[in-house]
N, C-alpha and C. Protein backbone atom coordinates (compact mmCIF):
# COMPACT_ATOMS: atom_id res chain seq x y z
N ASN A 1 13.58 -12.02 -0.14
CA ASN A 1 12.85 -10.57 -0.98
C ASN A 1 12.73 -10.95 -2.56
N ARG A 2 11.67 -10.46 -3.28
CA ARG A 2 11.65 -10.90 -4.63
C ARG A 2 11.30 -9.38 -5.20
N VAL A 3 11.77 -9.56 -6.69
CA VAL A 3 12.13 -8.37 -7.26
C VAL A 3 11.15 -8.33 -8.19
N THR A 4 10.08 -6.89 -7.89
CA THR A 4 9.34 -6.62 -9.03
C THR A 4 9.21 -5.38 -9.64
N GLU A 5 8.37 -5.06 -10.56
CA GLU A 5 8.27 -3.51 -11.30
C GLU A 5 6.63 -2.95 -10.97
N GLY A 6 7.25 -1.49 -10.74
CA GLY A 6 5.74 -0.80 -10.09
C GLY A 6 6.57 0.67 -10.83
N HIS A 7 5.74 1.66 -10.45
CA HIS A 7 6.44 3.07 -11.00
C HIS A 7 6.35 4.00 -9.52
N ASP A 8 7.58 4.90 -10.14
CA ASP A 8 7.94 5.70 -8.97
C ASP A 8 6.98 7.19 -9.37
N LEU A 9 6.37 7.39 -8.18
CA LEU A 9 5.18 8.57 -8.45
C LEU A 9 5.75 9.95 -8.77
N HIS A 10 7.18 10.01 -8.30
CA HIS A 10 7.80 11.50 -8.28
C HIS A 10 8.19 11.59 -9.87
N THR A 11 8.57 10.58 -10.64
CA THR A 11 8.95 10.65 -11.60
C THR A 11 8.28 9.99 -12.78
N MET A 12 6.84 9.26 -12.03
CA MET A 12 6.23 8.40 -13.13
C MET A 12 7.00 7.54 -14.05
N ARG A 13 8.29 6.92 -13.34
CA ARG A 13 8.89 6.06 -14.39
C ARG A 13 8.91 4.64 -13.89
N ARG A 14 9.32 3.78 -14.42
CA ARG A 14 9.01 2.45 -14.38
C ARG A 14 10.41 2.21 -13.53
N VAL A 15 10.16 1.24 -12.35
CA VAL A 15 11.13 1.18 -11.43
C VAL A 15 11.21 -0.45 -11.10
N ARG A 16 12.29 -1.01 -10.78
CA ARG A 16 12.52 -2.41 -10.06
C ARG A 16 12.31 -2.04 -8.68
N MET A 17 11.61 -2.91 -8.02
CA MET A 17 11.59 -2.95 -6.65
C MET A 17 11.86 -4.32 -5.79
N THR A 18 12.20 -4.22 -4.72
CA THR A 18 12.39 -5.41 -4.00
C THR A 18 11.41 -5.50 -3.02
N VAL A 19 10.78 -6.32 -3.22
CA VAL A 19 9.69 -6.61 -2.01
C VAL A 19 9.95 -7.60 -1.13
N PRO A 20 9.65 -7.26 0.12
CA PRO A 20 9.81 -8.00 1.40
C PRO A 20 9.37 -9.71 1.25
N LEU A 21 10.28 -10.45 1.07
CA LEU A 21 9.51 -12.06 1.35
C LEU A 21 8.20 -12.00 2.07
N LEU A 22 7.99 -11.21 3.19
CA LEU A 22 6.60 -11.23 4.06
C LEU A 22 6.01 -10.94 3.05
N VAL A 23 5.77 -10.02 2.25
CA VAL A 23 4.78 -9.01 1.37
C VAL A 23 4.59 -10.17 -0.03
N ALA A 24 5.70 -10.52 -0.20
CA ALA A 24 5.69 -11.57 -1.81
C ALA A 24 5.18 -12.89 -1.29
N ALA A 25 5.30 -13.11 0.05
CA ALA A 25 4.60 -14.86 0.16
C ALA A 25 3.20 -14.43 0.29
N ALA A 26 2.54 -13.14 0.27
CA ALA A 26 1.54 -13.09 0.32
C ALA A 26 0.48 -12.94 -0.76
N LEU A 27 1.23 -12.31 -1.73
CA LEU A 27 1.09 -12.75 -3.11
C LEU A 27 0.72 -14.11 -3.79
N PRO A 28 -0.20 -14.01 -4.90
CA PRO A 28 -0.54 -15.46 -5.05
C PRO A 28 0.31 -16.10 -5.89
N TRP A 29 0.53 -17.47 -5.91
CA TRP A 29 1.58 -18.10 -6.86
C TRP A 29 1.88 -17.41 -8.44
N GLY A 30 3.07 -17.00 -8.65
CA GLY A 30 3.54 -16.66 -10.06
C GLY A 30 2.59 -14.69 -10.08
N ALA A 31 2.56 -14.50 -9.07
CA ALA A 31 2.02 -13.22 -9.37
C ALA A 31 3.01 -12.11 -9.35
N GLY A 32 3.02 -11.12 -10.14
CA GLY A 32 4.05 -9.99 -10.16
C GLY A 32 3.66 -8.68 -9.94
N CYS A 33 4.31 -7.56 -10.35
CA CYS A 33 3.44 -6.53 -10.19
C CYS A 33 3.65 -6.00 -11.49
N SER A 34 3.79 -6.49 -12.52
CA SER A 34 3.63 -5.84 -13.93
C SER A 34 2.13 -5.35 -14.28
N ASP A 35 2.09 -4.43 -15.26
CA ASP A 35 1.28 -3.91 -15.61
C ASP A 35 0.34 -5.11 -16.24
N ASP A 36 0.54 -6.40 -16.57
CA ASP A 36 0.29 -7.47 -17.29
C ASP A 36 -0.71 -8.08 -16.59
N ASP A 37 -0.71 -7.74 -15.33
CA ASP A 37 -1.12 -8.74 -14.15
C ASP A 37 -2.79 -7.76 -13.81
N ALA A 38 -2.90 -6.78 -14.17
CA ALA A 38 -3.95 -5.80 -13.72
C ALA A 38 -5.30 -6.68 -14.51
N GLU A 39 -6.44 -6.87 -13.94
CA GLU A 39 -7.70 -7.51 -14.37
C GLU A 39 -8.29 -6.07 -14.81
N PRO A 40 -8.19 -5.49 -16.14
CA PRO A 40 -9.06 -4.67 -16.55
C PRO A 40 -10.66 -4.62 -15.95
N GLY A 41 -10.84 -3.43 -15.33
CA GLY A 41 -12.58 -3.21 -15.27
C GLY A 41 -12.80 -3.51 -13.83
N ARG A 42 -11.75 -4.43 -13.07
CA ARG A 42 -12.02 -4.84 -11.69
C ARG A 42 -11.46 -3.78 -10.42
N ALA A 43 -12.32 -3.64 -9.92
CA ALA A 43 -11.83 -3.01 -8.30
C ALA A 43 -10.86 -3.11 -7.94
N PRO A 44 -10.23 -2.33 -7.32
CA PRO A 44 -8.79 -2.45 -6.52
C PRO A 44 -9.59 -3.41 -5.04
N VAL A 45 -8.55 -4.38 -4.63
CA VAL A 45 -9.01 -4.98 -3.43
C VAL A 45 -7.68 -5.06 -2.78
N ILE A 46 -8.30 -4.39 -1.38
CA ILE A 46 -6.95 -4.51 -0.31
C ILE A 46 -7.06 -5.98 0.22
N GLU A 47 -5.99 -6.61 0.52
CA GLU A 47 -5.76 -8.17 0.91
C GLU A 47 -5.08 -8.05 2.46
N ASP A 48 -4.48 -7.26 2.76
CA ASP A 48 -3.50 -6.65 4.01
C ASP A 48 -2.92 -5.57 4.12
N ALA A 49 -2.32 -5.14 5.25
CA ALA A 49 -1.67 -3.82 5.61
C ALA A 49 -0.45 -3.94 6.64
N ARG A 50 0.55 -4.04 6.28
CA ARG A 50 1.42 -4.60 6.87
C ARG A 50 3.00 -3.09 7.46
N PRO A 51 2.69 -2.79 8.24
CA PRO A 51 2.51 -3.58 9.76
C PRO A 51 0.88 -3.38 10.16
N ALA A 52 0.17 -4.16 10.75
CA ALA A 52 -1.40 -3.99 10.56
C ALA A 52 -1.94 -2.34 11.33
N ALA A 53 -0.83 -2.00 12.28
CA ALA A 53 -1.21 -0.90 13.16
C ALA A 53 0.27 0.13 13.22
N ALA A 54 0.29 1.34 13.03
CA ALA A 54 1.42 2.23 13.12
C ALA A 54 1.25 3.89 13.53
N ARG A 55 1.91 4.41 13.60
CA ARG A 55 1.67 6.10 14.04
C ARG A 55 1.60 6.92 12.98
N PRO A 56 1.46 7.70 12.93
CA PRO A 56 1.40 9.26 12.11
C PRO A 56 2.69 9.24 11.51
N GLY A 57 2.99 9.15 10.35
CA GLY A 57 4.23 9.31 9.87
C GLY A 57 5.04 8.08 9.19
N GLN A 58 4.56 6.88 9.54
CA GLN A 58 5.15 5.69 9.45
C GLN A 58 4.66 5.14 8.14
N ARG A 59 5.52 3.99 7.61
CA ARG A 59 5.42 3.57 6.33
C ARG A 59 4.26 2.29 6.51
N VAL A 60 3.86 1.96 5.52
CA VAL A 60 2.87 1.10 5.57
C VAL A 60 2.42 0.25 4.15
N THR A 61 3.10 -0.93 4.32
CA THR A 61 2.51 -1.28 2.71
C THR A 61 1.12 -2.13 2.49
N LEU A 62 0.45 -1.51 1.39
CA LEU A 62 -1.07 -2.16 1.12
C LEU A 62 -0.82 -3.27 0.04
N VAL A 63 -0.93 -4.29 0.28
CA VAL A 63 -0.99 -5.34 -0.44
C VAL A 63 -2.69 -5.88 -1.14
N GLY A 64 -2.34 -6.28 -1.96
CA GLY A 64 -3.69 -6.14 -2.84
C GLY A 64 -3.53 -6.78 -4.33
N ARG A 65 -4.49 -6.28 -5.17
CA ARG A 65 -4.61 -6.72 -6.48
C ARG A 65 -5.63 -5.64 -7.11
N ASN A 66 -5.09 -5.29 -8.46
CA ASN A 66 -5.92 -4.38 -9.56
C ASN A 66 -5.59 -2.82 -8.69
N PHE A 67 -4.38 -2.28 -7.74
CA PHE A 67 -4.47 -1.43 -7.95
C PHE A 67 -3.88 -0.58 -9.28
N GLY A 68 -3.59 -1.22 -10.61
CA GLY A 68 -3.59 -0.40 -11.36
C GLY A 68 -2.29 0.03 -11.82
N LEU A 69 -2.17 1.17 -12.49
CA LEU A 69 -1.43 2.10 -12.86
C LEU A 69 -1.87 3.48 -12.26
N PRO A 70 -0.73 4.31 -11.86
CA PRO A 70 -0.97 5.62 -10.79
C PRO A 70 -1.65 6.42 -12.25
N GLY A 71 -2.70 7.19 -11.82
CA GLY A 71 -2.97 8.55 -12.38
C GLY A 71 -3.66 9.26 -11.56
N PRO A 72 -3.91 10.43 -12.65
CA PRO A 72 -4.38 11.83 -11.68
C PRO A 72 -5.40 11.89 -10.43
N LEU A 73 -6.56 10.85 -11.08
CA LEU A 73 -7.54 10.78 -10.33
C LEU A 73 -7.25 9.56 -9.15
N ASP A 74 -5.84 8.92 -9.17
CA ASP A 74 -6.05 7.62 -8.47
C ASP A 74 -5.48 8.04 -6.96
N ARG A 75 -5.94 7.32 -5.74
CA ARG A 75 -5.55 7.85 -4.56
C ARG A 75 -5.82 7.20 -3.31
N VAL A 76 -5.25 7.54 -2.03
CA VAL A 76 -5.60 6.38 -1.22
C VAL A 76 -5.74 7.20 -0.17
N THR A 77 -7.00 6.96 0.72
CA THR A 77 -7.31 7.51 1.87
C THR A 77 -7.32 6.84 2.99
N LEU A 78 -6.85 7.42 4.24
CA LEU A 78 -7.54 6.73 5.24
C LEU A 78 -8.29 7.39 6.35
N GLY A 79 -9.51 6.87 6.76
CA GLY A 79 -10.31 7.43 7.48
C GLY A 79 -10.94 8.73 6.90
N GLY A 80 -10.83 8.89 5.38
CA GLY A 80 -11.03 9.99 4.38
C GLY A 80 -10.05 10.97 4.66
N ALA A 81 -8.97 10.80 5.08
CA ALA A 81 -7.70 11.72 4.81
C ALA A 81 -6.94 11.33 3.63
N ASP A 82 -6.51 12.33 2.69
CA ASP A 82 -5.84 11.73 1.55
C ASP A 82 -4.49 11.40 2.21
N VAL A 83 -3.73 9.90 1.70
CA VAL A 83 -2.68 9.61 2.39
C VAL A 83 -1.70 9.51 1.24
N ALA A 84 -0.38 10.13 1.76
CA ALA A 84 1.04 10.10 0.60
C ALA A 84 1.31 8.99 0.13
N VAL A 85 1.29 8.60 -1.25
CA VAL A 85 1.74 7.25 -1.52
C VAL A 85 3.10 7.56 -1.96
N GLU A 86 3.93 6.85 -1.72
CA GLU A 86 5.45 6.91 -2.32
C GLU A 86 5.84 6.11 -3.20
N SER A 87 5.27 4.53 -3.48
CA SER A 87 4.99 4.00 -4.81
C SER A 87 4.05 3.31 -4.85
N TRP A 88 3.92 2.90 -6.20
CA TRP A 88 2.61 2.69 -6.84
C TRP A 88 2.65 1.28 -7.65
N ALA A 89 2.15 -0.21 -7.06
CA ALA A 89 2.10 -0.60 -8.29
C ALA A 89 1.03 -1.64 -8.23
N ASP A 90 1.09 -2.55 -8.91
CA ASP A 90 -0.41 -3.11 -9.47
C ASP A 90 -1.08 -3.91 -7.63
N ARG A 91 -0.25 -4.56 -7.03
CA ARG A 91 -0.45 -5.67 -6.39
C ARG A 91 0.37 -4.75 -4.65
N ALA A 92 1.18 -3.52 -5.00
CA ALA A 92 1.23 -3.22 -3.65
C ALA A 92 1.65 -1.67 -3.63
N LEU A 93 1.11 -1.28 -2.50
CA LEU A 93 1.33 0.32 -2.23
C LEU A 93 2.31 0.57 -1.37
N LEU A 94 3.22 1.57 -1.03
CA LEU A 94 3.84 2.20 0.29
C LEU A 94 3.25 3.37 0.35
N VAL A 95 2.64 3.63 1.51
CA VAL A 95 1.75 4.35 1.96
C VAL A 95 2.61 5.27 3.35
N THR A 96 2.11 6.35 3.47
CA THR A 96 2.69 7.02 4.77
C THR A 96 1.16 7.14 5.65
N VAL A 97 1.21 6.95 6.67
CA VAL A 97 -0.20 7.47 7.53
C VAL A 97 -0.20 8.76 8.01
N PRO A 98 -1.08 9.45 7.57
CA PRO A 98 -1.12 10.89 7.75
C PRO A 98 -1.12 11.18 9.13
N ALA A 99 -1.47 12.72 9.36
CA ALA A 99 -1.89 13.05 10.64
C ALA A 99 -3.08 12.44 11.00
N LEU A 100 -3.44 11.65 12.03
CA LEU A 100 -4.56 11.58 12.80
C LEU A 100 -4.06 11.26 13.99
N GLY A 101 -5.61 11.14 14.56
CA GLY A 101 -5.59 10.82 16.02
C GLY A 101 -5.71 9.27 16.06
N PRO A 102 -5.22 8.73 17.68
CA PRO A 102 -5.73 7.26 17.44
C PRO A 102 -6.79 6.66 17.43
N GLY A 103 -6.74 6.05 16.71
CA GLY A 103 -8.54 4.78 16.55
C GLY A 103 -8.21 3.99 15.26
N VAL A 104 -9.11 3.36 14.97
CA VAL A 104 -9.45 2.71 14.19
C VAL A 104 -10.07 3.07 12.34
N PHE A 105 -9.41 3.29 11.34
CA PHE A 105 -9.83 3.99 10.21
C PHE A 105 -9.77 3.44 8.99
N ASP A 106 -10.84 3.44 8.13
CA ASP A 106 -10.63 2.60 7.33
C ASP A 106 -9.64 2.94 5.83
N PHE A 107 -8.64 2.30 5.41
CA PHE A 107 -7.91 2.40 4.12
C PHE A 107 -9.03 2.27 2.95
N VAL A 108 -8.84 3.06 1.85
CA VAL A 108 -9.78 2.91 0.56
C VAL A 108 -8.75 3.26 -0.20
N VAL A 109 -8.46 2.59 -1.45
CA VAL A 109 -7.70 2.67 -2.52
C VAL A 109 -8.90 3.20 -4.06
N ARG A 110 -8.58 4.17 -4.54
CA ARG A 110 -9.26 4.38 -5.58
C ARG A 110 -8.36 4.59 -7.06
N ASN A 111 -9.13 4.06 -8.14
CA ASN A 111 -8.24 3.79 -9.23
C ASN A 111 -9.02 3.91 -10.51
N GLY A 112 -8.98 5.09 -10.68
CA GLY A 112 -9.74 5.81 -11.58
C GLY A 112 -11.35 5.98 -11.07
N ASP A 113 -12.31 5.06 -11.77
CA ASP A 113 -13.71 5.61 -11.09
C ASP A 113 -14.12 3.98 -10.52
N ARG A 114 -12.81 3.34 -10.36
CA ARG A 114 -13.08 2.10 -9.28
C ARG A 114 -12.39 1.86 -7.88
N VAL A 115 -13.71 1.73 -6.58
CA VAL A 115 -12.97 1.86 -5.63
C VAL A 115 -12.92 0.70 -4.72
N SER A 116 -11.99 0.58 -3.99
CA SER A 116 -12.02 -0.83 -3.02
C SER A 116 -12.93 -0.84 -1.86
N GLY A 117 -13.27 -1.68 -1.42
CA GLY A 117 -13.79 -1.61 -0.09
C GLY A 117 -12.93 -1.31 0.94
N PRO A 118 -13.38 -1.23 1.90
CA PRO A 118 -12.47 -0.57 3.39
C PRO A 118 -11.83 -1.76 3.89
N TRP A 119 -10.49 -1.04 4.36
CA TRP A 119 -9.55 -2.28 5.07
C TRP A 119 -9.24 -1.53 6.40
N PRO A 120 -9.93 -2.05 7.44
CA PRO A 120 -9.69 -1.39 8.93
C PRO A 120 -8.17 -1.26 9.17
N PHE A 121 -7.53 0.24 9.75
CA PHE A 121 -6.18 0.05 9.92
C PHE A 121 -6.10 1.03 11.59
N GLU A 122 -5.35 -0.14 12.31
CA GLU A 122 -5.56 0.75 13.70
C GLU A 122 -4.24 1.95 13.29
N VAL A 123 -4.75 3.34 14.00
CA VAL A 123 -3.72 4.19 13.80
C VAL A 123 -3.53 4.53 14.91
N ARG A 124 -2.14 4.36 15.80
CA ARG A 124 -1.71 4.77 17.10
C ARG A 124 -1.20 6.07 17.52
N ALA A 125 -1.39 6.27 18.87
CA ALA A 125 -1.18 7.69 19.29
C ALA A 125 0.59 7.86 19.09
N ALA A 126 1.14 9.22 18.82
CA ALA A 126 2.48 9.40 18.42
C ALA A 126 3.14 9.38 20.00
N ALA A 127 2.54 9.04 21.21
CA ALA A 127 3.37 9.07 22.21
C ALA A 127 3.18 7.43 22.56
N ASP A 128 2.22 6.73 22.19
CA ASP A 128 2.11 5.45 22.04
C ASP A 128 3.58 4.63 22.11
N ALA A 129 3.90 3.83 23.40
CA ALA A 129 5.48 3.34 23.19
C ALA A 129 5.52 1.92 22.87
N GLY A 130 4.71 1.26 22.50
CA GLY A 130 4.27 0.02 21.71
C GLY A 130 5.07 -0.18 20.84
N PRO A 131 5.59 -1.61 20.91
CA PRO A 131 6.90 -1.80 19.55
C PRO A 131 6.14 -1.82 18.33
N THR A 132 6.41 -1.15 17.16
CA THR A 132 6.29 -1.04 15.99
C THR A 132 7.26 -1.70 14.75
N VAL A 133 7.03 -2.08 13.69
CA VAL A 133 8.10 -2.19 12.95
C VAL A 133 7.66 -1.98 11.70
N ASP A 134 8.37 -0.75 11.16
CA ASP A 134 8.05 0.37 9.51
C ASP A 134 8.85 -0.94 8.69
N LEU A 135 7.65 -1.82 7.97
CA LEU A 135 8.17 -2.33 6.81
C LEU A 135 7.82 -1.26 5.57
N GLY A 136 8.71 -1.33 4.92
CA GLY A 136 8.41 -0.71 3.28
C GLY A 136 9.07 -1.24 2.45
N VAL A 137 8.35 -1.35 1.08
CA VAL A 137 9.38 -1.86 -0.45
C VAL A 137 10.38 -1.95 -0.20
N GLY A 138 11.11 -3.02 -0.04
CA GLY A 138 12.32 -2.86 0.32
C GLY A 138 13.10 -3.41 1.23
N ASP A 139 12.69 -3.40 2.52
CA ASP A 139 12.93 -3.60 3.78
C ASP A 139 12.58 -5.27 3.98
N VAL A 140 13.57 -5.62 5.00
CA VAL A 140 13.38 -6.75 5.18
C VAL A 140 12.44 -7.15 6.76
N ALA A 141 12.02 -8.05 6.87
CA ALA A 141 11.52 -8.34 8.16
C ALA A 141 12.54 -8.82 9.08
N PRO A 142 12.08 -8.25 10.30
CA PRO A 142 13.24 -8.92 11.58
C PRO A 142 12.91 -10.58 11.63
């Protein structure tokens, strides 16, 4: 696991998080989630979604860069539907899959007037019995 800093969206306070090694390993060498890592003026970039598929109500960690600080205009959508964001850091977002039917939909991150490219994500049917792993910030992969 890797300890990093981010912001709790409920209190807007700076918090320390433990990011799973699985997520931390995907970050560029020496990268953290501090405000100093943001690339001003750059659009957010989604580099991965973990897990790669989930059911509505499950948590997903979006890994990337230039997510910046959370603000009133910032949001994440999946297939055009707003997504609940549990924690927001410059390089990792913890989100909850909204109530969508099964299919492949695009995650998009908006930070102010900057918008990421789409990241395709599979939403599974609620009754799908396939195995899933609900990884969130602070969880450890099996």
